[in-house]
Structures are given as structure tokens and as C-alpha cells.
Amino acid sequence: MSVSTWIAVGSLAVLGVAVGSTGALATPQLMSEAKKAGVPAANCQYCHTEALPKKETFKPESLNDRGKFLMADQQKRSLKAPDPAALKDFPGGDKK
């Protein structure tokens, strides 16, 4: 892993990121699962508009289109946490 990847993973581990009103928490494991699913998530901004979102100040509006898609998928499927593999079905593709 590159240094920037380790920094991103470490930042997520320290800060944690609330996702939606469901109480789900984004974790380094979700980033790892996304990569295993073939999704090129490199940092928090893959799903968030902020570089280092914080649980205390999280607002669903601070998600980008990809993050909103994941949150909607989580709620639609009544999951306890977002399913990073669902990002493969994101209609905007990897580049958006």
C-alpha cells in the first residue's frame, strides 16, 4: 500500500464517519471491502465531499453522489452498514 493509502485508512480509523441517520459507521474495513470488490476508493472523498469527515459534524448533504447512492442502497436493503460492493452498480461509474 502507498503512504497516502495508509494515511487515509489511519484517518478513517481514528475519526470514524457516520453514514446516514441509520447509525452506520464508515470504517477502514469498508474501504478495504470496496477495494476487494474492485472499486478504486482511495480516500474519504470517494463518497464524501469533505477530505476528513467527522462523526460529530456529519450531514447526509456532505455525501457526494456516490455516497448518497450507497446510503440509499443501505436503507433500501435495510442493511446495518453500507455495502461497498454496491458501488459497482453506481450509475455514474468509477470516474464520476
PDB file of N, CA and C in Angstrom:
ATOM      1  N   MET A   1       0.835  -1.180   0.000  1.00  0.00           N
ATOM      2  CA  MET A   1       0.000   0.000   0.000  1.00  0.00           C
ATOM      3  C   MET A   1       0.877   1.240   0.000  1.00  0.00           C
ATOM      4  N   SER A   2       0.391   2.279  -0.646  1.00  0.00           N
ATOM      5  CA  SER A   2       1.141   3.520  -0.679  1.00  0.00           C
ATOM      6  C   SER A   2       0.971   4.266   0.647  1.00  0.00           C
ATOM      7  N   VAL A   3       1.837   5.226   0.869  1.00  0.00           N
ATOM      8  CA  VAL A   3       1.788   6.016   2.099  1.00  0.00           C
ATOM      9  C   VAL A   3       0.465   6.753   2.197  1.00  0.00           C
ATOM     10  N   SER A   4      -0.010   7.323   1.075  1.00  0.00           N
ATOM     11  CA  SER A   4      -1.275   8.067   1.122  1.00  0.00           C
ATOM     12  C   SER A   4      -2.445   7.152   1.455  1.00  0.00           C
ATOM     13  N   THR A   5      -2.409   5.903   1.009  1.00  0.00           N
ATOM     14  CA  THR A   5      -3.463   4.955   1.346  1.00  0.00           C
ATOM     15  C   THR A   5      -3.445   4.662   2.838  1.00  0.00           C
ATOM     16  N   TRP A   6      -2.258   4.465   3.403  1.00  0.00           N
ATOM     17  CA  TRP A   6      -2.146   4.212   4.840  1.00  0.00           C
ATOM     18  C   TRP A   6      -2.640   5.405   5.648  1.00  0.00           C
ATOM     19  N   ILE A   7      -2.335   6.611   5.162  1.00  0.00           N
ATOM     20  CA  ILE A   7      -2.789   7.816   5.860  1.00  0.00           C
ATOM     21  C   ILE A   7      -4.318   7.883   5.826  1.00  0.00           C
ATOM     22  N   ALA A   8      -4.906   7.607   4.662  1.00  0.00           N
ATOM     23  CA  ALA A   8      -6.366   7.639   4.537  1.00  0.00           C
ATOM     24  C   ALA A   8      -7.012   6.597   5.443  1.00  0.00           C
ATOM     25  N   VAL A   9      -6.466   5.387   5.445  1.00  0.00           N
ATOM     26  CA  VAL A   9      -7.015   4.323   6.278  1.00  0.00           C
ATOM     27  C   VAL A   9      -6.858   4.671   7.750  1.00  0.00           C
ATOM     28  N   GLY A  10      -5.709   5.202   8.115  1.00  0.00           N
ATOM     29  CA  GLY A  10      -5.479   5.596   9.505  1.00  0.00           C
ATOM     30  C   GLY A  10      -6.410   6.708   9.936  1.00  0.00           C
ATOM     31  N   SER A  11      -6.632   7.656   9.040  1.00  0.00           N
ATOM     32  CA  SER A  11      -7.545   8.763   9.359  1.00  0.00           C
ATOM     33  C   SER A  11      -8.953   8.247   9.586  1.00  0.00           C
ATOM     34  N   LEU A  12      -9.384   7.330   8.757  1.00  0.00           N
ATOM     35  CA  LEU A  12     -10.715   6.758   8.941  1.00  0.00           C
ATOM     36  C   LEU A  12     -10.805   6.003  10.260  1.00  0.00           C
ATOM     37  N   ALA A  13      -9.749   5.296  10.593  1.00  0.00           N
ATOM     38  CA  ALA A  13      -9.758   4.523  11.840  1.00  0.00           C
ATOM     39  C   ALA A  13      -9.859   5.441  13.049  1.00  0.00           C
ATOM     40  N   VAL A  14      -9.172   6.555  13.005  1.00  0.00           N
ATOM     41  CA  VAL A  14      -9.169   7.471  14.135  1.00  0.00           C
ATOM     42  C   VAL A  14     -10.471   8.260  14.219  1.00  0.00           C
ATOM     43  N   LEU A  15     -10.913   8.769  13.103  1.00  0.00           N
ATOM     44  CA  LEU A  15     -12.077   9.650  13.112  1.00  0.00           C
ATOM     45  C   LEU A  15     -13.407   8.922  13.071  1.00  0.00           C
ATOM     46  N   GLY A  16     -13.528   7.905  12.240  1.00  0.00           N
ATOM     47  CA  GLY A  16     -14.826   7.275  12.016  1.00  0.00           C
ATOM     48  C   GLY A  16     -15.721   8.270  11.298  1.00  0.00           C
ATOM     49  N   VAL A  17     -16.675   7.734  10.524  1.00  0.00           N
ATOM     50  CA  VAL A  17     -17.539   8.618   9.756  1.00  0.00           C
ATOM     51  C   VAL A  17     -18.955   8.085   9.824  1.00  0.00           C
ATOM     52  N   ALA A  18     -19.868   8.872  10.338  1.00  0.00           N
ATOM     53  CA  ALA A  18     -21.266   8.451  10.400  1.00  0.00           C
ATOM     54  C   ALA A  18     -21.852   8.515   8.998  1.00  0.00           C
ATOM     55  N   VAL A  19     -22.612   7.505   8.645  1.00  0.00           N
ATOM     56  CA  VAL A  19     -23.247   7.480   7.332  1.00  0.00           C
ATOM     57  C   VAL A  19     -24.746   7.379   7.526  1.00  0.00           C
ATOM     58  N   GLY A  20     -25.433   8.437   7.175  1.00  0.00           N
ATOM     59  CA  GLY A  20     -26.884   8.429   7.244  1.00  0.00           C
ATOM     60  C   GLY A  20     -27.418   8.437   8.653  1.00  0.00           C
ATOM     61  N   SER A  21     -28.711   8.478   8.756  1.00  0.00           N
ATOM     62  CA  SER A  21     -29.351   8.509  10.058  1.00  0.00           C
ATOM     63  C   SER A  21     -29.545   7.118  10.624  1.00  0.00           C
ATOM     64  N   THR A  22     -29.056   6.107   9.905  1.00  0.00           N
ATOM     65  CA  THR A  22     -29.218   4.730  10.358  1.00  0.00           C
ATOM     66  C   THR A  22     -28.217   4.363  11.443  1.00  0.00           C
ATOM     67  N   GLY A  23     -27.252   5.254  11.690  1.00  0.00           N
ATOM     68  CA  GLY A  23     -26.271   4.980  12.720  1.00  0.00           C
ATOM     69  C   GLY A  23     -25.117   4.128  12.219  1.00  0.00           C
ATOM     70  N   ALA A  24     -25.068   3.857  10.949  1.00  0.00           N
ATOM     71  CA  ALA A  24     -23.977   3.066  10.397  1.00  0.00           C
ATOM     72  C   ALA A  24     -22.699   3.880  10.455  1.00  0.00           C
ATOM     73  N   LEU A  25     -21.589   3.198  10.509  1.00  0.00           N
ATOM     74  CA  LEU A  25     -20.319   3.872  10.634  1.00  0.00           C
ATOM     75  C   LEU A  25     -19.391   3.412   9.521  1.00  0.00           C
ATOM     76  N   ALA A  26     -18.844   4.370   8.774  1.00  0.00           N
ATOM     77  CA  ALA A  26     -17.856   4.033   7.758  1.00  0.00           C
ATOM     78  C   ALA A  26     -16.556   3.688   8.472  1.00  0.00           C
ATOM     79  N   THR A  27     -15.877   2.686   8.007  1.00  0.00           N
ATOM     80  CA  THR A  27     -14.670   2.215   8.664  1.00  0.00           C
ATOM     81  C   THR A  27     -13.611   1.873   7.640  1.00  0.00           C
ATOM     82  N   PRO A  28     -12.371   1.683   8.078  1.00  0.00           N
ATOM     83  CA  PRO A  28     -11.345   1.228   7.156  1.00  0.00           C
ATOM     84  C   PRO A  28     -11.726  -0.113   6.518  1.00  0.00           C
ATOM     85  N   GLN A  29     -12.513  -0.916   7.230  1.00  0.00           N
ATOM     86  CA  GLN A  29     -12.957  -2.196   6.666  1.00  0.00           C
ATOM     87  C   GLN A  29     -13.810  -1.972   5.427  1.00  0.00           C
ATOM     88  N   LEU A  30     -14.659  -0.933   5.439  1.00  0.00           N
ATOM     89  CA  LEU A  30     -15.477  -0.644   4.261  1.00  0.00           C
ATOM     90  C   LEU A  30     -14.596  -0.250   3.087  1.00  0.00           C
ATOM     91  N   MET A  31     -13.552   0.525   3.349  1.00  0.00           N
ATOM     92  CA  MET A  31     -12.613   0.906   2.292  1.00  0.00           C
ATOM     93  C   MET A  31     -11.935  -0.345   1.746  1.00  0.00           C
ATOM     94  N   SER A  32     -11.534  -1.229   2.638  1.00  0.00           N
ATOM     95  CA  SER A  32     -10.896  -2.478   2.229  1.00  0.00           C
ATOM     96  C   SER A  32     -11.852  -3.347   1.412  1.00  0.00           C
ATOM     97  N   GLU A  33     -13.108  -3.440   1.861  1.00  0.00           N
ATOM     98  CA  GLU A  33     -14.107  -4.229   1.136  1.00  0.00           C
ATOM     99  C   GLU A  33     -14.377  -3.638  -0.245  1.00  0.00           C
ATOM    100  N   ALA A  34     -14.384  -2.318  -0.336  1.00  0.00           N
ATOM    101  CA  ALA A  34     -14.593  -1.663  -1.632  1.00  0.00           C
ATOM    102  C   ALA A  34     -13.462  -2.026  -2.587  1.00  0.00           C
ATOM    103  N   LYS A  35     -12.236  -1.993  -2.088  1.00  0.00           N
ATOM    104  CA  LYS A  35     -11.084  -2.340  -2.931  1.00  0.00           C
ATOM    105  C   LYS A  35     -11.138  -3.805  -3.354  1.00  0.00           C
ATOM    106  N   LYS A  36     -11.533  -4.693  -2.435  1.00  0.00           N
ATOM    107  CA  LYS A  36     -11.662  -6.114  -2.773  1.00  0.00           C
ATOM    108  C   LYS A  36     -12.729  -6.334  -3.836  1.00  0.00           C
ATOM    109  N   ALA A  37     -13.754  -5.462  -3.840  1.00  0.00           N
ATOM    110  CA  ALA A  37     -14.827  -5.567  -4.828  1.00  0.00           C
ATOM    111  C   ALA A  37     -14.419  -4.947  -6.167  1.00  0.00           C
ATOM    112  N   GLY A  38     -13.208  -4.390  -6.212  1.00  0.00           N
ATOM    113  CA  GLY A  38     -12.720  -3.805  -7.458  1.00  0.00           C
ATOM    114  C   GLY A  38     -13.071  -2.340  -7.631  1.00  0.00           C
ATOM    115  N   VAL A  39     -13.426  -1.676  -6.544  1.00  0.00           N
ATOM    116  CA  VAL A  39     -13.780  -0.260  -6.588  1.00  0.00           C
ATOM    117  C   VAL A  39     -12.534   0.551  -6.247  1.00  0.00           C
ATOM    118  N   PRO A  40     -12.204   1.569  -7.050  1.00  0.00           N
ATOM    119  CA  PRO A  40     -10.968   2.332  -6.822  1.00  0.00           C
ATOM    120  C   PRO A  40     -11.068   3.406  -5.743  1.00  0.00           C
ATOM    121  N   ALA A  41     -11.610   3.085  -4.587  1.00  0.00           N
ATOM    122  CA  ALA A  41     -11.720   4.041  -3.487  1.00  0.00           C
ATOM    123  C   ALA A  41     -10.330   4.277  -2.905  1.00  0.00           C
ATOM    124  N   ALA A  42      -9.878   5.526  -2.943  1.00  0.00           N
ATOM    125  CA  ALA A  42      -8.543   5.836  -2.449  1.00  0.00           C
ATOM    126  C   ALA A  42      -8.563   6.637  -1.160  1.00  0.00           C
ATOM    127  N   ASN A  43      -9.671   7.337  -0.904  1.00  0.00           N
ATOM    128  CA  ASN A  43      -9.762   8.150   0.309  1.00  0.00           C
ATOM    129  C   ASN A  43     -11.222   8.453   0.607  1.00  0.00           C
ATOM    130  N   CYS A  44     -11.462   9.237   1.636  1.00  0.00           N
ATOM    131  CA  CYS A  44     -12.827   9.549   2.075  1.00  0.00           C
ATOM    132  C   CYS A  44     -13.648  10.236   0.992  1.00  0.00           C
ATOM    133  N   GLN A  45     -12.976  11.016   0.159  1.00  0.00           N
ATOM    134  CA  GLN A  45     -13.692  11.775  -0.855  1.00  0.00           C
ATOM    135  C   GLN A  45     -14.229  10.907  -1.990  1.00  0.00           C
ATOM    136  N   TYR A  46     -14.027   9.628  -1.915  1.00  0.00           N
ATOM    137  CA  TYR A  46     -14.658   8.735  -2.887  1.00  0.00           C
ATOM    138  C   TYR A  46     -16.176   8.761  -2.677  1.00  0.00           C
ATOM    139  N   CYS A  47     -16.613   8.959  -1.425  1.00  0.00           N
ATOM    140  CA  CYS A  47     -18.043   9.013  -1.105  1.00  0.00           C
ATOM    141  C   CYS A  47     -18.461  10.304  -0.405  1.00  0.00           C
ATOM    142  N   HIS A  48     -17.504  11.067   0.103  1.00  0.00           N
ATOM    143  CA  HIS A  48     -17.790  12.299   0.847  1.00  0.00           C
ATOM    144  C   HIS A  48     -17.257  13.512   0.099  1.00  0.00           C
ATOM    145  N   THR A  49     -17.818  14.678   0.391  1.00  0.00           N
ATOM    146  CA  THR A  49     -17.307  15.916  -0.196  1.00  0.00           C
ATOM    147  C   THR A  49     -16.184  16.499   0.645  1.00  0.00           C
ATOM    148  N   GLU A  50     -16.086  16.086   1.894  1.00  0.00           N
ATOM    149  CA  GLU A  50     -15.035  16.564   2.796  1.00  0.00           C
ATOM    150  C   GLU A  50     -13.853  15.608   2.783  1.00  0.00           C
ATOM    151  N   ALA A  51     -12.656  16.153   2.939  1.00  0.00           N
ATOM    152  CA  ALA A  51     -11.465  15.315   2.950  1.00  0.00           C
ATOM    153  C   ALA A  51     -11.418  14.404   4.170  1.00  0.00           C
ATOM    154  N   LEU A  52     -11.772  14.936   5.330  1.00  0.00           N
ATOM    155  CA  LEU A  52     -11.773  14.151   6.559  1.00  0.00           C
ATOM    156  C   LEU A  52     -13.068  14.404   7.321  1.00  0.00           C
ATOM    157  N   PRO A  53     -14.154  13.781   6.910  1.00  0.00           N
ATOM    158  CA  PRO A  53     -15.425  13.995   7.604  1.00  0.00           C
ATOM    159  C   PRO A  53     -15.357  13.497   9.043  1.00  0.00           C
ATOM    160  N   LYS A  54     -16.109  14.155   9.902  1.00  0.00           N
ATOM    161  CA  LYS A  54     -16.133  13.785  11.312  1.00  0.00           C
ATOM    162  C   LYS A  54     -17.535  13.351  11.707  1.00  0.00           C
ATOM    163  N   LYS A  55     -17.604  12.366  12.567  1.00  0.00           N
ATOM    164  CA  LYS A  55     -18.877  11.834  13.033  1.00  0.00           C
ATOM    165  C   LYS A  55     -19.736  12.929  13.665  1.00  0.00           C
ATOM    166  N   GLU A  56     -19.111  13.782  14.438  1.00  0.00           N
ATOM    167  CA  GLU A  56     -19.834  14.811  15.175  1.00  0.00           C
ATOM    168  C   GLU A  56     -20.496  15.844  14.272  1.00  0.00           C
ATOM    169  N   THR A  57     -19.934  16.098  13.119  1.00  0.00           N
ATOM    170  CA  THR A  57     -20.449  17.141  12.229  1.00  0.00           C
ATOM    171  C   THR A  57     -21.034  16.574  10.942  1.00  0.00           C
ATOM    172  N   PHE A  58     -21.185  15.260  10.854  1.00  0.00           N
ATOM    173  CA  PHE A  58     -21.675  14.640   9.621  1.00  0.00           C
ATOM    174  C   PHE A  58     -23.099  15.073   9.300  1.00  0.00           C
ATOM    175  N   LYS A  59     -23.315  15.350   8.021  1.00  0.00           N
ATOM    176  CA  LYS A  59     -24.642  15.635   7.484  1.00  0.00           C
ATOM    177  C   LYS A  59     -24.762  14.852   6.188  1.00  0.00           C
ATOM    178  N   PRO A  60     -25.906  14.223   5.938  1.00  0.00           N
ATOM    179  CA  PRO A  60     -26.069  13.482   4.679  1.00  0.00           C
ATOM    180  C   PRO A  60     -25.776  14.342   3.450  1.00  0.00           C
ATOM    181  N   GLU A  61     -25.982  15.665   3.581  1.00  0.00           N
ATOM    182  CA  GLU A  61     -25.695  16.555   2.459  1.00  0.00           C
ATOM    183  C   GLU A  61     -24.205  16.609   2.142  1.00  0.00           C
ATOM    184  N   SER A  62     -23.359  16.150   3.062  1.00  0.00           N
ATOM    185  CA  SER A  62     -21.915  16.176   2.818  1.00  0.00           C
ATOM    186  C   SER A  62     -21.430  14.941   2.058  1.00  0.00           C
ATOM    187  N   LEU A  63     -22.361  14.107   1.644  1.00  0.00           N
ATOM    188  CA  LEU A  63     -22.011  12.971   0.793  1.00  0.00           C
ATOM    189  C   LEU A  63     -22.054  13.426  -0.667  1.00  0.00           C
ATOM    190  N   ASN A  64     -21.162  12.883  -1.483  1.00  0.00           N
ATOM    191  CA  ASN A  64     -21.259  13.156  -2.907  1.00  0.00           C
ATOM    192  C   ASN A  64     -22.274  12.177  -3.505  1.00  0.00           C
ATOM    193  N   ASP A  65     -22.437  12.194  -4.812  1.00  0.00           N
ATOM    194  CA  ASP A  65     -23.445  11.327  -5.438  1.00  0.00           C
ATOM    195  C   ASP A  65     -23.209   9.856  -5.132  1.00  0.00           C
ATOM    196  N   ARG A  66     -21.953   9.459  -5.085  1.00  0.00           N
ATOM    197  CA  ARG A  66     -21.622   8.059  -4.799  1.00  0.00           C
ATOM    198  C   ARG A  66     -22.014   7.696  -3.371  1.00  0.00           C
ATOM    199  N   GLY A  67     -21.731   8.580  -2.422  1.00  0.00           N
ATOM    200  CA  GLY A  67     -22.093   8.340  -1.033  1.00  0.00           C
ATOM    201  C   GLY A  67     -23.596   8.301  -0.829  1.00  0.00           C
ATOM    202  N   LYS A  68     -24.304   9.193  -1.514  1.00  0.00           N
ATOM    203  CA  LYS A  68     -25.765   9.201  -1.427  1.00  0.00           C
ATOM    204  C   LYS A  68     -26.346   7.919  -2.012  1.00  0.00           C
ATOM    205  N   PHE A  69     -25.721   7.432  -3.084  1.00  0.00           N
ATOM    206  CA  PHE A  69     -26.150   6.167  -3.681  1.00  0.00           C
ATOM    207  C   PHE A  69     -25.983   5.029  -2.679  1.00  0.00           C
ATOM    208  N   LEU A  70     -24.831   4.985  -2.000  1.00  0.00           N
ATOM    209  CA  LEU A  70     -24.577   3.932  -1.012  1.00  0.00           C
ATOM    210  C   LEU A  70     -25.553   4.013   0.153  1.00  0.00           C
ATOM    211  N   MET A  71     -25.820   5.224   0.629  1.00  0.00           N
ATOM    212  CA  MET A  71     -26.743   5.391   1.741  1.00  0.00           C
ATOM    213  C   MET A  71     -28.154   4.949   1.338  1.00  0.00           C
ATOM    214  N   ALA A  72     -28.577   5.310   0.127  1.00  0.00           N
ATOM    215  CA  ALA A  72     -29.903   4.898  -0.349  1.00  0.00           C
ATOM    216  C   ALA A  72     -29.979   3.381  -0.485  1.00  0.00           C
ATOM    217  N   ASP A  73     -28.902   2.762  -0.975  1.00  0.00           N
ATOM    218  CA  ASP A  73     -28.863   1.304  -1.103  1.00  0.00           C
ATOM    219  C   ASP A  73     -28.960   0.648   0.267  1.00  0.00           C
ATOM    220  N   GLN A  74     -28.238   1.195   1.235  1.00  0.00           N
ATOM    221  CA  GLN A  74     -28.263   0.662   2.604  1.00  0.00           C
ATOM    222  C   GLN A  74     -29.684   0.712   3.168  1.00  0.00           C
ATOM    223  N   GLN A  75     -30.345   1.838   2.997  1.00  0.00           N
ATOM    224  CA  GLN A  75     -31.694   1.995   3.530  1.00  0.00           C
ATOM    225  C   GLN A  75     -32.696   1.113   2.772  1.00  0.00           C
ATOM    226  N   LYS A  76     -32.544   1.056   1.458  1.00  0.00           N
ATOM    227  CA  LYS A  76     -33.450   0.248   0.634  1.00  0.00           C
ATOM    228  C   LYS A  76     -33.378  -1.229   1.015  1.00  0.00           C
ATOM    229  N   ARG A  77     -32.174  -1.712   1.288  1.00  0.00           N
ATOM    230  CA  ARG A  77     -31.970  -3.117   1.611  1.00  0.00           C
ATOM    231  C   ARG A  77     -31.988  -3.380   3.118  1.00  0.00           C
ATOM    232  N   SER A  78     -32.268  -2.352   3.912  1.00  0.00           N
ATOM    233  CA  SER A  78     -32.318  -2.455   5.380  1.00  0.00           C
ATOM    234  C   SER A  78     -31.045  -3.077   5.955  1.00  0.00           C
ATOM    235  N   LEU A  79     -29.908  -2.590   5.483  1.00  0.00           N
ATOM    236  CA  LEU A  79     -28.619  -3.080   5.965  1.00  0.00           C
ATOM    237  C   LEU A  79     -28.182  -2.277   7.183  1.00  0.00           C
ATOM    238  N   LYS A  80     -27.376  -2.884   8.034  1.00  0.00           N
ATOM    239  CA  LYS A  80     -26.846  -2.181   9.200  1.00  0.00           C
ATOM    240  C   LYS A  80     -25.686  -1.278   8.818  1.00  0.00           C
ATOM    241  N   ALA A  81     -25.015  -1.595   7.728  1.00  0.00           N
ATOM    242  CA  ALA A  81     -23.874  -0.815   7.252  1.00  0.00           C
ATOM    243  C   ALA A  81     -23.916  -0.771   5.729  1.00  0.00           C
ATOM    244  N   PRO A  82     -23.281   0.217   5.138  1.00  0.00           N
ATOM    245  CA  PRO A  82     -23.241   0.287   3.674  1.00  0.00           C
ATOM    246  C   PRO A  82     -22.537  -0.941   3.090  1.00  0.00           C
ATOM    247  N   ASP A  83     -22.959  -1.348   1.914  1.00  0.00           N
ATOM    248  CA  ASP A  83     -22.341  -2.467   1.209  1.00  0.00           C
ATOM    249  C   ASP A  83     -21.449  -1.899   0.113  1.00  0.00           C
ATOM    250  N   PRO A  84     -20.135  -1.851   0.338  1.00  0.00           N
ATOM    251  CA  PRO A  84     -19.231  -1.257  -0.640  1.00  0.00           C
ATOM    252  C   PRO A  84     -19.294  -1.919  -2.020  1.00  0.00           C
ATOM    253  N   ALA A  85     -19.652  -3.196  -2.070  1.00  0.00           N
ATOM    254  CA  ALA A  85     -19.762  -3.886  -3.358  1.00  0.00           C
ATOM    255  C   ALA A  85     -20.862  -3.269  -4.220  1.00  0.00           C
ATOM    256  N   ALA A  86     -21.832  -2.610  -3.588  1.00  0.00           N
ATOM    257  CA  ALA A  86     -22.914  -1.960  -4.339  1.00  0.00           C
ATOM    258  C   ALA A  86     -22.382  -0.814  -5.189  1.00  0.00           C
ATOM    259  N   LEU A  87     -21.203  -0.293  -4.858  1.00  0.00           N
ATOM    260  CA  LEU A  87     -20.623   0.788  -5.652  1.00  0.00           C
ATOM    261  C   LEU A  87     -20.386   0.365  -7.103  1.00  0.00           C
ATOM    262  N   LYS A  88     -20.274  -0.933  -7.336  1.00  0.00           N
ATOM    263  CA  LYS A  88     -20.108  -1.411  -8.706  1.00  0.00           C
ATOM    264  C   LYS A  88     -21.344  -1.103  -9.551  1.00  0.00           C
ATOM    265  N   ASP A  89     -22.493  -0.909  -8.891  1.00  0.00           N
ATOM    266  CA  ASP A  89     -23.739  -0.605  -9.587  1.00  0.00           C
ATOM    267  C   ASP A  89     -24.035   0.887  -9.640  1.00  0.00           C
ATOM    268  N   PHE A  90     -23.109   1.710  -9.147  1.00  0.00           N
ATOM    269  CA  PHE A  90     -23.321   3.161  -9.156  1.00  0.00           C
ATOM    270  C   PHE A  90     -23.472   3.627 -10.604  1.00  0.00           C
ATOM    271  N   PRO A  91     -24.586   4.298 -10.929  1.00  0.00           N
ATOM    272  CA  PRO A  91     -24.852   4.679 -12.315  1.00  0.00           C
ATOM    273  C   PRO A  91     -23.864   5.696 -12.892  1.00  0.00           C
ATOM    274  N   GLY A  92     -23.116   6.392 -12.047  1.00  0.00           N
ATOM    275  CA  GLY A  92     -22.145   7.367 -12.526  1.00  0.00           C
ATOM    276  C   GLY A  92     -20.813   6.749 -12.889  1.00  0.00           C
ATOM    277  N   GLY A  93     -20.640   5.476 -12.606  1.00  0.00           N
ATOM    278  CA  GLY A  93     -19.369   4.801 -12.892  1.00  0.00           C
ATOM    279  C   GLY A  93     -18.271   5.195 -11.917  1.00  0.00           C
ATOM    280  N   ASP A  94     -17.062   4.723 -12.190  1.00  0.00           N
ATOM    281  CA  ASP A  94     -15.917   4.975 -11.302  1.00  0.00           C
ATOM    282  C   ASP A  94     -15.390   6.397 -11.405  1.00  0.00           C
ATOM    283  N   LYS A  95     -15.543   7.017 -12.551  1.00  0.00           N
ATOM    284  CA  LYS A  95     -14.898   8.309 -12.781  1.00  0.00           C
ATOM    285  C   LYS A  95     -15.691   9.487 -12.251  1.00  0.00           C
ATOM    286  N   LYS A  96     -16.974   9.330 -12.000  1.00  0.00           N
ATOM    287  CA  LYS A  96     -17.811  10.449 -11.575  1.00  0.00           C
ATOM    288  C   LYS A  96     -17.597  10.784 -10.127  1.00  0.00           C
TER     289      LYS A  96
END
